[in-house]
Amino acid sequence: FETPTERETQLALFYKGFALAYLEPEDAIRCYETLLLIPSVADDLKFFTNCNLPHLYGSCRQTNPHESERIPKVIHLMYFGETEFHNFHDRCVRSMLFHMLDYQVVIYNSVEPVGNPYWDKLKTHPRVRIECIEVPNHFDGFELTHFQYKADVVRLEILYKHGGVYLDLDMLIVKNFDEVFNTGKSLYLSK
């Protein structure tokens, strides 16, 4: 990329900064600061760079990125009543409680099932909390037409706000996750 006024050069600096943000925050800061020194930097890149820089400045105060706060010991589940709360749901939640002994389980719910013995018993467990939430119909000006979209928005907002672990309600846990979490990564995805 020949000149800093070219959009491609500006994009390259921005994406390089973004790519380096976690492992090499000092290098990411240099990329972003260089980008902001370009007089003709595009408004959108200036905006997103200014959104990212404060977080990077804060992360450089740590000597090791893995010293940041560990993943909170809370498992987030969602049950919005789209199906009946069955025995297998109860067994899956109990497998989480059994294998993840020091974790709190929060079930986000818009309407509780009435007269359901599995739900009623689960609510009394000391490490289970039911949190009533409103299921969104819109996000960022767009209508959420499918239930899965609504669940995606809620899931990402919960993880962004609280951290922790998100699991589907029908996941049967057979082993504690601490071995995986002790690797020091900050995000884990699985099939």
Protein backbone atom coordinates (compact mmCIF):
# COMPACT_ATOMS: atom_id res chain seq x y z
CA PHE A 1 0.00 0.00 0.00
CA GLU A 2 1.66 3.09 -1.26
CA THR A 3 0.05 6.10 0.40
CA PRO A 4 -1.73 6.50 3.73
CA THR A 5 -4.53 8.44 2.09
CA GLU A 6 -5.71 5.36 0.21
CA ARG A 7 -8.66 3.58 1.74
CA GLU A 8 -6.91 0.21 1.38
CA THR A 9 -3.94 1.42 3.44
CA GLN A 10 -6.25 2.73 6.14
CA LEU A 11 -8.18 -0.53 6.20
CA ALA A 12 -4.96 -2.53 6.42
CA LEU A 13 -3.83 -0.51 9.45
CA PHE A 14 -7.20 -0.89 11.12
CA TYR A 15 -7.44 -4.65 10.56
CA LYS A 16 -3.83 -5.18 11.61
CA GLY A 17 -4.58 -3.34 14.85
CA PHE A 18 -7.72 -5.38 15.35
CA ALA A 19 -5.86 -8.65 14.71
CA LEU A 20 -3.08 -7.77 17.16
CA ALA A 21 -5.35 -6.42 19.91
CA TYR A 22 -5.33 -9.48 22.15
CA LEU A 23 -1.83 -10.93 21.81
CA GLU A 24 0.16 -7.77 21.01
CA PRO A 25 -1.81 -4.79 22.39
CA GLU A 26 1.19 -2.42 22.17
CA ASP A 27 1.51 -3.13 18.43
CA ALA A 28 -2.24 -2.71 18.01
CA ILE A 29 -2.06 0.68 19.72
CA ARG A 30 0.73 1.75 17.34
CA CYS A 31 -1.39 0.75 14.33
CA TYR A 32 -4.43 2.61 15.62
CA GLU A 33 -2.48 5.72 16.61
CA THR A 34 -0.79 5.78 13.19
CA LEU A 35 -4.20 5.53 11.57
CA LEU A 36 -5.53 8.47 13.60
CA LEU A 37 -2.57 10.63 12.51
CA ILE A 38 -3.66 10.39 8.87
CA PRO A 39 -5.46 13.69 8.13
CA SER A 40 -7.87 12.13 5.66
CA VAL A 41 -8.73 9.00 7.67
CA ALA A 42 -12.23 7.78 6.88
CA ASP A 43 -14.88 8.70 9.46
CA ASP A 44 -15.97 5.11 10.01
CA LEU A 45 -12.41 3.95 10.67
CA LYS A 46 -11.79 6.89 12.99
CA PHE A 47 -14.95 6.04 14.94
CA PHE A 48 -14.14 2.32 15.34
CA THR A 49 -10.51 3.05 16.16
CA ASN A 50 -11.60 5.43 18.90
CA CYS A 51 -13.92 2.72 20.22
CA ASN A 52 -11.07 0.18 20.44
CA LEU A 53 -8.21 2.30 21.78
CA PRO A 54 -9.46 2.84 25.37
CA HIS A 55 -9.69 -0.92 25.88
CA LEU A 56 -6.19 -1.43 24.55
CA TYR A 57 -4.72 1.30 26.74
CA GLY A 58 -6.27 -0.47 29.73
CA SER A 59 -4.97 -3.90 28.70
CA CYS A 60 -1.40 -2.65 28.43
CA ARG A 61 -1.37 -1.92 32.16
CA GLN A 62 -1.42 -5.69 32.75
CA THR A 63 1.85 -7.52 32.50
CA ASN A 64 0.20 -10.60 31.04
CA PRO A 65 -3.10 -10.73 29.10
CA HIS A 66 -3.93 -13.99 30.89
CA GLU A 67 -3.85 -12.20 34.24
CA SER A 68 -7.14 -10.55 33.39
CA GLU A 69 -10.22 -11.71 35.21
CA ARG A 70 -11.01 -15.38 34.79
CA ILE A 71 -14.23 -16.51 33.17
CA PRO A 72 -16.91 -16.03 35.84
CA LYS A 73 -18.24 -19.25 37.33
CA VAL A 74 -21.78 -18.89 36.08
CA ILE A 75 -23.63 -20.94 33.48
CA HIS A 76 -26.27 -19.08 31.49
CA LEU A 77 -29.26 -20.96 30.08
CA MET A 78 -32.38 -19.75 28.30
CA TYR A 79 -35.87 -21.13 28.46
CA PHE A 80 -38.54 -19.00 26.82
CA GLY A 81 -41.33 -21.57 26.85
CA GLU A 82 -41.17 -22.35 23.13
CA THR A 83 -41.45 -26.04 24.11
CA GLU A 84 -42.52 -27.78 27.29
CA PHE A 85 -39.90 -28.08 30.03
CA HIS A 86 -39.26 -31.84 29.96
CA ASN A 87 -37.51 -34.39 32.14
CA PHE A 88 -34.46 -34.34 29.84
CA HIS A 89 -34.12 -30.56 30.34
CA ASP A 90 -34.09 -31.13 34.09
CA ARG A 91 -31.50 -33.91 33.73
CA CYS A 92 -29.26 -31.72 31.59
CA VAL A 93 -29.36 -28.85 34.09
CA ARG A 94 -28.68 -31.27 36.93
CA SER A 95 -25.67 -32.65 35.01
CA MET A 96 -24.32 -29.09 34.91
CA LEU A 97 -24.87 -28.69 38.64
CA PHE A 98 -23.25 -32.08 39.33
CA HIS A 99 -20.10 -31.61 37.25
CA MET A 100 -19.64 -27.86 37.67
CA LEU A 101 -19.79 -27.80 41.46
CA ASP A 102 -18.69 -24.21 42.05
CA TYR A 103 -20.83 -22.67 39.30
CA GLN A 104 -24.06 -20.76 39.66
CA VAL A 105 -26.74 -21.58 37.05
CA VAL A 106 -28.95 -18.76 35.78
CA ILE A 107 -31.96 -19.60 33.64
CA TYR A 108 -33.28 -16.62 31.69
CA ASN A 109 -36.97 -16.89 31.14
CA SER A 110 -39.84 -14.74 29.89
CA VAL A 111 -42.75 -16.85 31.19
CA GLU A 112 -42.37 -19.66 33.72
CA PRO A 113 -44.14 -22.95 33.03
CA VAL A 114 -47.05 -23.37 35.45
CA GLY A 115 -47.50 -26.67 37.30
CA ASN A 116 -44.39 -28.27 35.79
CA PRO A 117 -42.83 -30.56 38.45
CA TYR A 118 -39.34 -30.48 36.89
CA TRP A 119 -39.27 -26.70 36.73
CA ASP A 120 -40.76 -26.29 40.20
CA LYS A 121 -38.15 -28.60 41.76
CA LEU A 122 -35.25 -27.03 39.84
CA LYS A 123 -36.24 -23.56 41.09
CA THR A 124 -35.59 -24.68 44.68
CA HIS A 125 -31.96 -25.67 44.04
CA PRO A 126 -29.63 -23.29 45.94
CA ARG A 127 -27.33 -22.73 42.92
CA VAL A 128 -30.13 -22.11 40.41
CA ARG A 129 -31.53 -18.65 39.83
CA ILE A 130 -34.40 -17.87 37.49
CA GLU A 131 -34.17 -14.43 35.93
CA CYS A 132 -37.17 -13.02 34.13
CA ILE A 133 -36.25 -11.09 30.99
CA GLU A 134 -38.15 -9.53 28.15
CA VAL A 135 -37.50 -11.21 24.81
CA PRO A 136 -36.57 -8.52 22.26
CA ASN A 137 -38.53 -8.02 19.05
CA HIS A 138 -36.02 -5.58 17.54
CA PHE A 139 -32.28 -5.10 17.62
CA ASP A 140 -30.38 -2.11 16.26
CA GLY A 141 -33.42 -1.02 14.25
CA PHE A 142 -34.05 -4.44 12.71
CA GLU A 143 -37.06 -6.61 13.43
CA LEU A 144 -36.17 -10.01 14.86
CA THR A 145 -38.54 -12.22 12.89
CA HIS A 146 -37.29 -15.63 14.02
CA PHE A 147 -37.11 -16.91 17.56
CA GLN A 148 -33.51 -18.02 17.00
CA TYR A 149 -32.50 -14.42 16.23
CA LYS A 150 -34.08 -13.26 19.47
CA ALA A 151 -32.22 -15.96 21.39
CA ASP A 152 -28.93 -14.97 19.70
CA VAL A 153 -29.36 -11.34 20.75
CA VAL A 154 -30.18 -12.29 24.35
CA ARG A 155 -27.29 -14.79 24.52
CA LEU A 156 -24.69 -12.32 23.26
CA GLU A 157 -25.96 -9.51 25.48
CA ILE A 158 -25.82 -11.78 28.56
CA LEU A 159 -22.27 -12.94 27.82
CA TYR A 160 -21.12 -9.42 27.03
CA LYS A 161 -22.61 -8.04 30.25
CA HIS A 162 -21.82 -10.87 32.68
CA GLY A 163 -19.24 -13.18 31.10
CA GLY A 164 -19.45 -16.82 32.07
CA VAL A 165 -20.54 -19.86 30.11
CA TYR A 166 -23.54 -20.16 27.82
CA LEU A 167 -24.99 -23.63 27.28
CA ASP A 168 -28.14 -24.80 25.57
CA LEU A 169 -30.74 -26.20 27.91
CA ASP A 170 -30.51 -29.64 26.29
CA MET A 171 -26.76 -30.13 26.74
CA LEU A 172 -25.81 -33.07 28.96
CA ILE A 173 -22.51 -32.37 30.74
CA VAL A 174 -20.23 -35.34 31.45
CA LYS A 175 -17.10 -33.56 32.71
CA ASN A 176 -16.06 -30.38 34.51
CA PHE A 177 -14.83 -27.62 32.15
CA ASP A 178 -12.05 -26.31 34.39
CA GLU A 179 -9.38 -28.27 32.52
CA VAL A 180 -10.31 -26.36 29.37
CA PHE A 181 -10.64 -23.01 31.14
CA ASN A 182 -7.25 -23.37 32.82
CA THR A 183 -5.55 -23.02 29.43
CA GLY A 184 -5.78 -19.25 29.87
CA LYS A 185 -7.86 -18.43 26.78
CA SER A 186 -10.65 -15.87 27.06
CA LEU A 187 -13.12 -17.35 24.56
CA TYR A 188 -14.06 -20.95 23.84
CA LEU A 189 -16.37 -22.26 21.13
CA SER A 190 -17.34 -25.85 20.47
CA LYS A 191 -19.39 -27.84 18.02
